[in-house]
Amino acid sequence: SSIAGIALLIVLLFWKEFKIVLFDADYTTTLGFHVKFIDTLMTSFIVIAIVMGLQTVGVVLMSAMLLAPAAAARQWTN
């Protein structure tokens, strides 16, 4: 769909900023980026991905795709 294409394009344009904010928001602020805007943009894309995924694969698979990486990372760290 066109929404997915637009979202992918924007994610590709902001890829570096997303990585910096996820790694260290304070450092991103010192570089002069607007962290609140980037966080809002990232959250919006998560919501779009969830809504599109629910329509495509269903609730159970989307829940697993959202929770499994976080649960696996939690098991591998102290």
PDB file of N, CA and C in Angstrom:
ATOM      1  N   SER A   1       0.829  -1.187   0.000  1.00  0.00           N
ATOM      2  CA  SER A   1       0.000   0.000   0.000  1.00  0.00           C
ATOM      3  C   SER A   1       0.870   1.245   0.000  1.00  0.00           C
ATOM      4  N   SER A   2       0.269   2.353  -0.295  1.00  0.00           N
ATOM      5  CA  SER A   2       1.018   3.604  -0.400  1.00  0.00           C
ATOM      6  C   SER A   2       1.499   4.095   0.970  1.00  0.00           C
ATOM      7  N   ILE A   3       0.742   3.796   2.021  1.00  0.00           N
ATOM      8  CA  ILE A   3       1.153   4.220   3.366  1.00  0.00           C
ATOM      9  C   ILE A   3       2.444   3.521   3.766  1.00  0.00           C
ATOM     10  N   ALA A   4       2.549   2.244   3.453  1.00  0.00           N
ATOM     11  CA  ALA A   4       3.760   1.494   3.774  1.00  0.00           C
ATOM     12  C   ALA A   4       4.958   2.034   2.994  1.00  0.00           C
ATOM     13  N   GLY A   5       4.754   2.389   1.739  1.00  0.00           N
ATOM     14  CA  GLY A   5       5.838   2.947   0.933  1.00  0.00           C
ATOM     15  C   GLY A   5       6.318   4.287   1.460  1.00  0.00           C
ATOM     16  N   ILE A   6       5.382   5.131   1.832  1.00  0.00           N
ATOM     17  CA  ILE A   6       5.743   6.440   2.395  1.00  0.00           C
ATOM     18  C   ILE A   6       6.463   6.257   3.727  1.00  0.00           C
ATOM     19  N   ALA A   7       5.956   5.354   4.564  1.00  0.00           N
ATOM     20  CA  ALA A   7       6.591   5.099   5.859  1.00  0.00           C
ATOM     21  C   ALA A   7       8.008   4.568   5.672  1.00  0.00           C
ATOM     22  N   LEU A   8       8.199   3.660   4.727  1.00  0.00           N
ATOM     23  CA  LEU A   8       9.527   3.119   4.461  1.00  0.00           C
ATOM     24  C   LEU A   8      10.481   4.203   3.990  1.00  0.00           C
ATOM     25  N   LEU A   9      10.022   5.078   3.141  1.00  0.00           N
ATOM     26  CA  LEU A   9      10.856   6.169   2.652  1.00  0.00           C
ATOM     27  C   LEU A   9      11.278   7.094   3.796  1.00  0.00           C
ATOM     28  N   ILE A  10      10.349   7.436   4.661  1.00  0.00           N
ATOM     29  CA  ILE A  10      10.675   8.327   5.782  1.00  0.00           C
ATOM     30  C   ILE A  10      11.620   7.640   6.764  1.00  0.00           C
ATOM     31  N   VAL A  11      11.412   6.343   7.002  1.00  0.00           N
ATOM     32  CA  VAL A  11      12.320   5.610   7.890  1.00  0.00           C
ATOM     33  C   VAL A  11      13.734   5.593   7.308  1.00  0.00           C
ATOM     34  N   LEU A  12      13.849   5.384   6.007  1.00  0.00           N
ATOM     35  CA  LEU A  12      15.164   5.401   5.376  1.00  0.00           C
ATOM     36  C   LEU A  12      15.821   6.772   5.464  1.00  0.00           C
ATOM     37  N   LEU A  13      15.025   7.825   5.353  1.00  0.00           N
ATOM     38  CA  LEU A  13      15.574   9.180   5.455  1.00  0.00           C
ATOM     39  C   LEU A  13      16.052   9.511   6.867  1.00  0.00           C
ATOM     40  N   PHE A  14      15.344   8.997   7.881  1.00  0.00           N
ATOM     41  CA  PHE A  14      15.676   9.295   9.278  1.00  0.00           C
ATOM     42  C   PHE A  14      16.399   8.153   9.974  1.00  0.00           C
ATOM     43  N   TRP A  15      16.957   7.213   9.241  1.00  0.00           N
ATOM     44  CA  TRP A  15      17.568   6.020   9.841  1.00  0.00           C
ATOM     45  C   TRP A  15      18.683   6.379  10.826  1.00  0.00           C
ATOM     46  N   LYS A  16      19.572   7.284  10.442  1.00  0.00           N
ATOM     47  CA  LYS A  16      20.680   7.657  11.314  1.00  0.00           C
ATOM     48  C   LYS A  16      20.173   8.320  12.592  1.00  0.00           C
ATOM     49  N   GLU A  17      19.192   9.186  12.464  1.00  0.00           N
ATOM     50  CA  GLU A  17      18.651   9.864  13.635  1.00  0.00           C
ATOM     51  C   GLU A  17      17.957   8.882  14.571  1.00  0.00           C
ATOM     52  N   PHE A  18      17.234   7.910  14.006  1.00  0.00           N
ATOM     53  CA  PHE A  18      16.585   6.895  14.832  1.00  0.00           C
ATOM     54  C   PHE A  18      17.619   6.112  15.632  1.00  0.00           C
ATOM     55  N   LYS A  19      18.698   5.705  14.984  1.00  0.00           N
ATOM     56  CA  LYS A  19      19.730   4.940  15.674  1.00  0.00           C
ATOM     57  C   LYS A  19      20.376   5.749  16.785  1.00  0.00           C
ATOM     58  N   ILE A  20      20.651   7.024  16.522  1.00  0.00           N
ATOM     59  CA  ILE A  20      21.297   7.861  17.536  1.00  0.00           C
ATOM     60  C   ILE A  20      20.374   8.057  18.737  1.00  0.00           C
ATOM     61  N   VAL A  21      19.088   8.322  18.494  1.00  0.00           N
ATOM     62  CA  VAL A  21      18.142   8.529  19.593  1.00  0.00           C
ATOM     63  C   VAL A  21      17.995   7.252  20.410  1.00  0.00           C
ATOM     64  N   LEU A  22      17.911   6.106  19.756  1.00  0.00           N
ATOM     65  CA  LEU A  22      17.769   4.853  20.488  1.00  0.00           C
ATOM     66  C   LEU A  22      19.009   4.528  21.315  1.00  0.00           C
ATOM     67  N   PHE A  23      20.173   4.925  20.831  1.00  0.00           N
ATOM     68  CA  PHE A  23      21.402   4.648  21.564  1.00  0.00           C
ATOM     69  C   PHE A  23      21.590   5.595  22.744  1.00  0.00           C
ATOM     70  N   ASP A  24      21.455   6.904  22.494  1.00  0.00           N
ATOM     71  CA  ASP A  24      21.664   7.876  23.568  1.00  0.00           C
ATOM     72  C   ASP A  24      20.949   9.188  23.225  1.00  0.00           C
ATOM     73  N   ALA A  25      19.830   9.430  23.894  1.00  0.00           N
ATOM     74  CA  ALA A  25      19.024  10.624  23.611  1.00  0.00           C
ATOM     75  C   ALA A  25      19.742  11.906  24.044  1.00  0.00           C
ATOM     76  N   ASP A  26      20.496  11.854  25.130  1.00  0.00           N
ATOM     77  CA  ASP A  26      21.209  13.057  25.584  1.00  0.00           C
ATOM     78  C   ASP A  26      22.274  13.481  24.572  1.00  0.00           C
ATOM     79  N   TYR A  27      23.003  12.515  24.039  1.00  0.00           N
ATOM     80  CA  TYR A  27      24.008  12.809  23.013  1.00  0.00           C
ATOM     81  C   TYR A  27      23.347  13.389  21.766  1.00  0.00           C
ATOM     82  N   THR A  28      22.176  12.859  21.420  1.00  0.00           N
ATOM     83  CA  THR A  28      21.448  13.366  20.261  1.00  0.00           C
ATOM     84  C   THR A  28      21.066  14.825  20.465  1.00  0.00           C
ATOM     85  N   THR A  29      20.686  15.176  21.678  1.00  0.00           N
ATOM     86  CA  THR A  29      20.353  16.565  21.990  1.00  0.00           C
ATOM     87  C   THR A  29      21.575  17.459  21.833  1.00  0.00           C
ATOM     88  N   THR A  30      22.734  16.997  22.263  1.00  0.00           N
ATOM     89  CA  THR A  30      23.947  17.807  22.135  1.00  0.00           C
ATOM     90  C   THR A  30      24.354  17.995  20.674  1.00  0.00           C
ATOM     91  N   LEU A  31      23.952  17.060  19.809  1.00  0.00           N
ATOM     92  CA  LEU A  31      24.236  17.212  18.385  1.00  0.00           C
ATOM     93  C   LEU A  31      23.285  18.193  17.701  1.00  0.00           C
ATOM     94  N   GLY A  32      22.218  18.588  18.397  1.00  0.00           N
ATOM     95  CA  GLY A  32      21.303  19.588  17.871  1.00  0.00           C
ATOM     96  C   GLY A  32      20.032  19.027  17.253  1.00  0.00           C
ATOM     97  N   PHE A  33      19.785  17.737  17.430  1.00  0.00           N
ATOM     98  CA  PHE A  33      18.567  17.139  16.888  1.00  0.00           C
ATOM     99  C   PHE A  33      17.414  17.360  17.861  1.00  0.00           C
ATOM    100  N   HIS A  34      16.203  17.357  17.344  1.00  0.00           N
ATOM    101  CA  HIS A  34      15.005  17.480  18.167  1.00  0.00           C
ATOM    102  C   HIS A  34      14.550  16.077  18.558  1.00  0.00           C
ATOM    103  N   VAL A  35      14.915  15.654  19.757  1.00  0.00           N
ATOM    104  CA  VAL A  35      14.659  14.296  20.216  1.00  0.00           C
ATOM    105  C   VAL A  35      13.172  14.017  20.323  1.00  0.00           C
ATOM    106  N   LYS A  36      12.404  14.973  20.787  1.00  0.00           N
ATOM    107  CA  LYS A  36      10.961  14.770  20.949  1.00  0.00           C
ATOM    108  C   LYS A  36      10.294  14.497  19.591  1.00  0.00           C
ATOM    109  N   PHE A  37      10.695  15.228  18.557  1.00  0.00           N
ATOM    110  CA  PHE A  37      10.149  15.016  17.218  1.00  0.00           C
ATOM    111  C   PHE A  37      10.522  13.625  16.694  1.00  0.00           C
ATOM    112  N   ILE A  38      11.764  13.239  16.871  1.00  0.00           N
ATOM    113  CA  ILE A  38      12.218  11.934  16.387  1.00  0.00           C
ATOM    114  C   ILE A  38      11.521  10.817  17.152  1.00  0.00           C
ATOM    115  N   ASP A  39      11.351  10.976  18.465  1.00  0.00           N
ATOM    116  CA  ASP A  39      10.616   9.983  19.261  1.00  0.00           C
ATOM    117  C   ASP A  39       9.161   9.864  18.798  1.00  0.00           C
ATOM    118  N   THR A  40       8.531  10.998  18.543  1.00  0.00           N
ATOM    119  CA  THR A  40       7.147  10.985  18.066  1.00  0.00           C
ATOM    120  C   THR A  40       7.045  10.313  16.704  1.00  0.00           C
ATOM    121  N   LEU A  41       7.984  10.601  15.833  1.00  0.00           N
ATOM    122  CA  LEU A  41       8.005   9.985  14.511  1.00  0.00           C
ATOM    123  C   LEU A  41       8.194   8.470  14.613  1.00  0.00           C
ATOM    124  N   MET A  42       9.111   8.049  15.464  1.00  0.00           N
ATOM    125  CA  MET A  42       9.364   6.623  15.659  1.00  0.00           C
ATOM    126  C   MET A  42       8.137   5.916  16.234  1.00  0.00           C
ATOM    127  N   THR A  43       7.490   6.524  17.203  1.00  0.00           N
ATOM    128  CA  THR A  43       6.288   5.946  17.793  1.00  0.00           C
ATOM    129  C   THR A  43       5.165   5.858  16.766  1.00  0.00           C
ATOM    130  N   SER A  44       5.057   6.871  15.924  1.00  0.00           N
ATOM    131  CA  SER A  44       4.039   6.844  14.873  1.00  0.00           C
ATOM    132  C   SER A  44       4.258   5.679  13.917  1.00  0.00           C
ATOM    133  N   PHE A  45       5.501   5.423  13.574  1.00  0.00           N
ATOM    134  CA  PHE A  45       5.786   4.309  12.667  1.00  0.00           C
ATOM    135  C   PHE A  45       5.557   2.959  13.333  1.00  0.00           C
ATOM    136  N   ILE A  46       5.782   2.874  14.625  1.00  0.00           N
ATOM    137  CA  ILE A  46       5.469   1.636  15.338  1.00  0.00           C
ATOM    138  C   ILE A  46       3.960   1.388  15.301  1.00  0.00           C
ATOM    139  N   VAL A  47       3.180   2.440  15.519  1.00  0.00           N
ATOM    140  CA  VAL A  47       1.724   2.309  15.474  1.00  0.00           C
ATOM    141  C   VAL A  47       1.258   1.911  14.080  1.00  0.00           C
ATOM    142  N   ILE A  48       1.823   2.541  13.044  1.00  0.00           N
ATOM    143  CA  ILE A  48       1.459   2.180  11.668  1.00  0.00           C
ATOM    144  C   ILE A  48       1.796   0.719  11.388  1.00  0.00           C
ATOM    145  N   ALA A  49       2.961   0.274  11.827  1.00  0.00           N
ATOM    146  CA  ALA A  49       3.359  -1.120  11.601  1.00  0.00           C
ATOM    147  C   ALA A  49       2.425  -2.084  12.328  1.00  0.00           C
ATOM    148  N   ILE A  50       2.014  -1.732  13.533  1.00  0.00           N
ATOM    149  CA  ILE A  50       1.108  -2.600  14.289  1.00  0.00           C
ATOM    150  C   ILE A  50      -0.255  -2.676  13.613  1.00  0.00           C
ATOM    151  N   VAL A  51      -0.788  -1.534  13.208  1.00  0.00           N
ATOM    152  CA  VAL A  51      -2.105  -1.523  12.567  1.00  0.00           C
ATOM    153  C   VAL A  51      -2.073  -2.313  11.260  1.00  0.00           C
ATOM    154  N   MET A  52      -1.052  -2.095  10.449  1.00  0.00           N
ATOM    155  CA  MET A  52      -0.960  -2.825   9.184  1.00  0.00           C
ATOM    156  C   MET A  52      -0.716  -4.308   9.432  1.00  0.00           C
ATOM    157  N   GLY A  53       0.082  -4.631  10.441  1.00  0.00           N
ATOM    158  CA  GLY A  53       0.341  -6.032  10.758  1.00  0.00           C
ATOM    159  C   GLY A  53      -0.885  -6.750  11.293  1.00  0.00           C
ATOM    160  N   LEU A  54      -1.687  -6.061  12.095  1.00  0.00           N
ATOM    161  CA  LEU A  54      -2.915  -6.672  12.601  1.00  0.00           C
ATOM    162  C   LEU A  54      -3.859  -7.027  11.463  1.00  0.00           C
ATOM    163  N   GLN A  55      -3.938  -6.153  10.482  1.00  0.00           N
ATOM    164  CA  GLN A  55      -4.801  -6.431   9.340  1.00  0.00           C
ATOM    165  C   GLN A  55      -4.238  -7.554   8.474  1.00  0.00           C
ATOM    166  N   THR A  56      -2.925  -7.686   8.447  1.00  0.00           N
ATOM    167  CA  THR A  56      -2.292  -8.659   7.568  1.00  0.00           C
ATOM    168  C   THR A  56      -2.180 -10.043   8.193  1.00  0.00           C
ATOM    169  N   VAL A  57      -1.618 -10.139   9.390  1.00  0.00           N
ATOM    170  CA  VAL A  57      -1.305 -11.452   9.966  1.00  0.00           C
ATOM    171  C   VAL A  57      -2.105 -11.803  11.210  1.00  0.00           C
ATOM    172  N   GLY A  58      -2.754 -10.847  11.834  1.00  0.00           N
ATOM    173  CA  GLY A  58      -3.570 -11.153  12.993  1.00  0.00           C
ATOM    174  C   GLY A  58      -2.930 -10.778  14.313  1.00  0.00           C
ATOM    175  N   VAL A  59      -3.742 -10.891  15.349  1.00  0.00           N
ATOM    176  CA  VAL A  59      -3.340 -10.444  16.690  1.00  0.00           C
ATOM    177  C   VAL A  59      -2.248 -11.315  17.286  1.00  0.00           C
ATOM    178  N   VAL A  60      -2.379 -12.624  17.159  1.00  0.00           N
ATOM    179  CA  VAL A  60      -1.429 -13.527  17.812  1.00  0.00           C
ATOM    180  C   VAL A  60      -0.024 -13.358  17.232  1.00  0.00           C
ATOM    181  N   LEU A  61       0.090 -13.320  15.921  1.00  0.00           N
ATOM    182  CA  LEU A  61       1.409 -13.186  15.302  1.00  0.00           C
ATOM    183  C   LEU A  61       2.010 -11.809  15.550  1.00  0.00           C
ATOM    184  N   MET A  62       1.208 -10.769  15.532  1.00  0.00           N
ATOM    185  CA  MET A  62       1.733  -9.430  15.813  1.00  0.00           C
ATOM    186  C   MET A  62       2.196  -9.321  17.262  1.00  0.00           C
ATOM    187  N   SER A  63       1.464  -9.926  18.182  1.00  0.00           N
ATOM    188  CA  SER A  63       1.897  -9.924  19.580  1.00  0.00           C
ATOM    189  C   SER A  63       3.230 -10.631  19.731  1.00  0.00           C
ATOM    190  N   ALA A  64       3.366 -11.750  19.047  1.00  0.00           N
ATOM    191  CA  ALA A  64       4.625 -12.498  19.120  1.00  0.00           C
ATOM    192  C   ALA A  64       5.774 -11.699  18.515  1.00  0.00           C
ATOM    193  N   MET A  65       5.530 -11.009  17.402  1.00  0.00           N
ATOM    194  CA  MET A  65       6.596 -10.243  16.755  1.00  0.00           C
ATOM    195  C   MET A  65       7.006  -9.026  17.579  1.00  0.00           C
ATOM    196  N   LEU A  66       6.102  -8.509  18.394  1.00  0.00           N
ATOM    197  CA  LEU A  66       6.443  -7.379  19.247  1.00  0.00           C
ATOM    198  C   LEU A  66       7.118  -7.806  20.548  1.00  0.00           C
ATOM    199  N   LEU A  67       6.673  -8.901  21.120  1.00  0.00           N
ATOM    200  CA  LEU A  67       7.155  -9.308  22.438  1.00  0.00           C
ATOM    201  C   LEU A  67       8.366 -10.234  22.404  1.00  0.00           C
ATOM    202  N   ALA A  68       8.486 -11.071  21.397  1.00  0.00           N
ATOM    203  CA  ALA A  68       9.577 -12.056  21.362  1.00  0.00           C
ATOM    204  C   ALA A  68      10.966 -11.415  21.359  1.00  0.00           C
ATOM    205  N   PRO A  69      11.254 -10.397  20.552  1.00  0.00           N
ATOM    206  CA  PRO A  69      12.602  -9.802  20.610  1.00  0.00           C
ATOM    207  C   PRO A  69      12.932  -9.190  21.965  1.00  0.00           C
ATOM    208  N   ALA A  70      11.961  -8.531  22.581  1.00  0.00           N
ATOM    209  CA  ALA A  70      12.205  -7.931  23.894  1.00  0.00           C
ATOM    210  C   ALA A  70      12.434  -9.008  24.951  1.00  0.00           C
ATOM    211  N   ALA A  71      11.663 -10.089  24.897  1.00  0.00           N
ATOM    212  CA  ALA A  71      11.836 -11.178  25.860  1.00  0.00           C
ATOM    213  C   ALA A  71      13.179 -11.877  25.665  1.00  0.00           C
ATOM    214  N   ALA A  72      13.590 -12.069  24.416  1.00  0.00           N
ATOM    215  CA  ALA A  72      14.883 -12.700  24.145  1.00  0.00           C
ATOM    216  C   ALA A  72      16.032 -11.809  24.617  1.00  0.00           C
ATOM    217  N   ALA A  73      15.942 -10.510  24.375  1.00  0.00           N
ATOM    218  CA  ALA A  73      16.992  -9.589  24.822  1.00  0.00           C
ATOM    219  C   ALA A  73      17.067  -9.552  26.332  1.00  0.00           C
ATOM    220  N   ARG A  74      15.924  -9.623  26.988  1.00  0.00           N
ATOM    221  CA  ARG A  74      15.905  -9.623  28.461  1.00  0.00           C
ATOM    222  C   ARG A  74      16.591 -10.870  29.029  1.00  0.00           C
ATOM    223  N   GLN A  75      16.430 -12.011  28.355  1.00  0.00           N
ATOM    224  CA  GLN A  75      17.055 -13.249  28.819  1.00  0.00           C
ATOM    225  C   GLN A  75      18.572 -13.230  28.614  1.00  0.00           C
ATOM    226  N   TRP A  76      19.055 -12.510  27.618  1.00  0.00           N
ATOM    227  CA  TRP A  76      20.491 -12.501  27.293  1.00  0.00           C
ATOM    228  C   TRP A  76      21.281 -11.439  28.055  1.00  0.00           C
ATOM    229  N   THR A  77      20.587 -10.554  28.792  1.00  0.00           N
ATOM    230  CA  THR A  77      21.293  -9.495  29.525  1.00  0.00           C
ATOM    231  C   THR A  77      21.095  -9.698  31.021  1.00  0.00           C
ATOM    232  N   ASN A  78      21.913  -9.028  31.780  1.00  0.00           N
ATOM    233  CA  ASN A  78      21.792  -9.089  33.250  1.00  0.00           C
ATOM    234  C   ASN A  78      20.844  -8.023  33.732  1.00  0.00           C
TER     235      ASN A  78
END
